[in-house]
Amino acid sequence: MVARIYKPARTAMQQGSAGTRDWVLEYTPERPLGIEPLMGWTSSTDTRSQLRMGFASKEEAIAYATRSGIPFRVEDPQKTELRPKSYAENFKFGRIDRWTH
């Protein structure tokens, strides 16, 4: 079973960078989820898919995986560019979008 080492992205509900500083090691599922016939819930017999470990840096996560003999794959985060914006741009004359207030 291959582990995945990555830095989680922000969710759509977050504006800040909370929860995105640490690197995460988690296992990829070996089998797809199955539907339980009695209740209809999705279930899995793979208990490693529930394991998720956090590390302060990518090097610590890689060192743990190599020390434990876990095959892994590293996914580097995508760079995001912050565009500087000003509040006055909402009210400028040549604005392309409609002002909806």
Protein backbone atom coordinates (compact mmCIF):
# COMPACT_ATOMS: atom_id res chain seq x y z
CA MET A 1 0.00 0.00 0.00
CA VAL A 2 1.47 3.34 -1.08
CA ALA A 3 1.37 6.36 1.22
CA ARG A 4 0.77 9.87 -0.02
CA ILE A 5 2.71 12.81 1.47
CA TYR A 6 1.13 16.18 0.73
CA LYS A 7 0.35 19.60 2.13
CA PRO A 8 -3.43 20.07 2.39
CA ALA A 9 -5.06 22.95 0.54
CA ARG A 10 -7.44 25.48 1.99
CA THR A 11 -11.10 24.59 1.89
CA ALA A 12 -13.58 26.86 0.19
CA MET A 13 -14.90 27.93 3.60
CA GLN A 14 -11.51 29.16 4.87
CA GLN A 15 -10.03 32.55 4.26
CA GLY A 16 -6.84 32.11 6.26
CA SER A 17 -4.14 29.47 6.17
CA ALA A 18 -5.18 27.49 9.27
CA GLY A 19 -4.68 23.75 8.86
CA THR A 20 -2.48 24.11 5.79
CA ARG A 21 0.93 24.49 7.41
CA ASP A 22 1.62 20.83 8.26
CA TRP A 23 2.47 18.01 5.87
CA VAL A 24 0.22 14.94 5.96
CA LEU A 25 1.03 11.27 5.39
CA GLU A 26 -1.97 9.11 4.56
CA TYR A 27 -2.43 5.80 2.81
CA THR A 28 -4.18 5.50 -0.53
CA PRO A 29 -7.08 3.02 -0.44
CA GLU A 30 -6.37 -0.47 -1.78
CA ARG A 31 -9.99 -1.33 -2.51
CA PRO A 32 -12.95 0.88 -3.43
CA LEU A 33 -15.64 1.58 -0.86
CA GLY A 34 -18.51 -0.89 -0.77
CA ILE A 35 -22.15 -0.36 0.10
CA GLU A 36 -23.37 -2.15 3.20
CA PRO A 37 -26.52 -4.13 2.29
CA LEU A 38 -28.41 -3.59 5.57
CA MET A 39 -28.18 0.18 6.06
CA GLY A 40 -26.84 1.33 2.69
CA TRP A 41 -23.80 3.08 4.19
CA THR A 42 -20.46 3.05 2.46
CA SER A 43 -17.92 0.89 4.23
CA SER A 44 -14.43 -0.47 3.78
CA THR A 45 -12.39 -3.32 5.18
CA ASP A 46 -9.20 -1.29 4.75
CA THR A 47 -8.27 0.11 8.18
CA ARG A 48 -5.12 1.88 6.98
CA SER A 49 -7.22 4.34 5.01
CA GLN A 50 -8.35 5.80 8.36
CA LEU A 51 -4.77 6.60 9.40
CA ARG A 52 -3.60 10.18 8.90
CA MET A 53 -0.37 11.54 10.42
CA GLY A 54 0.80 15.15 10.46
CA PHE A 55 4.40 16.38 10.28
CA ALA A 56 5.94 19.83 10.59
CA SER A 57 8.00 19.50 7.40
CA LYS A 58 8.20 17.44 4.25
CA GLU A 59 11.60 16.07 5.25
CA GLU A 60 10.21 14.70 8.54
CA ALA A 61 7.42 12.89 6.70
CA ILE A 62 9.84 11.40 4.17
CA ALA A 63 12.23 10.34 6.95
CA TYR A 64 9.41 8.61 8.83
CA ALA A 65 8.23 6.78 5.70
CA THR A 66 11.72 5.56 4.79
CA ARG A 67 12.51 4.57 8.38
CA SER A 68 9.27 2.57 8.60
CA GLY A 69 9.69 0.99 5.16
CA ILE A 70 6.53 2.58 3.75
CA PRO A 71 6.51 3.19 -0.01
CA PHE A 72 5.42 6.78 -0.60
CA ARG A 73 4.68 9.42 -3.20
CA VAL A 74 5.27 13.15 -2.55
CA GLU A 75 2.84 15.72 -3.97
CA ASP A 76 4.22 19.25 -3.84
CA PRO A 77 1.68 22.04 -3.27
CA GLN A 78 0.74 24.36 -6.09
CA LYS A 79 1.83 27.96 -5.75
CA THR A 80 -0.95 30.51 -5.45
CA GLU A 81 -0.44 34.14 -6.32
CA LEU A 82 -2.08 36.82 -4.23
CA ARG A 83 -3.24 39.74 -6.31
CA PRO A 84 -3.23 43.04 -4.44
CA LYS A 85 -6.71 44.54 -4.38
CA SER A 86 -8.10 47.75 -3.03
CA TYR A 87 -11.59 48.51 -1.82
CA ALA A 88 -11.82 51.46 -4.20
CA GLU A 89 -11.74 49.12 -7.21
CA ASN A 90 -15.30 48.06 -6.36
CA PHE A 91 -16.56 51.54 -7.26
CA LYS A 92 -14.36 52.58 -10.19
CA PHE A 93 -16.00 53.96 -13.32
CA GLY A 94 -14.77 51.49 -15.97
CA ARG A 95 -15.63 48.39 -13.95
CA ILE A 96 -16.47 45.33 -16.07
CA ASP A 97 -18.74 43.54 -13.57
CA ARG A 98 -22.03 44.98 -12.33
CA TRP A 99 -22.16 46.50 -8.90
CA THR A 100 -24.96 44.63 -7.12
CA HIS A 101 -26.03 46.64 -4.09
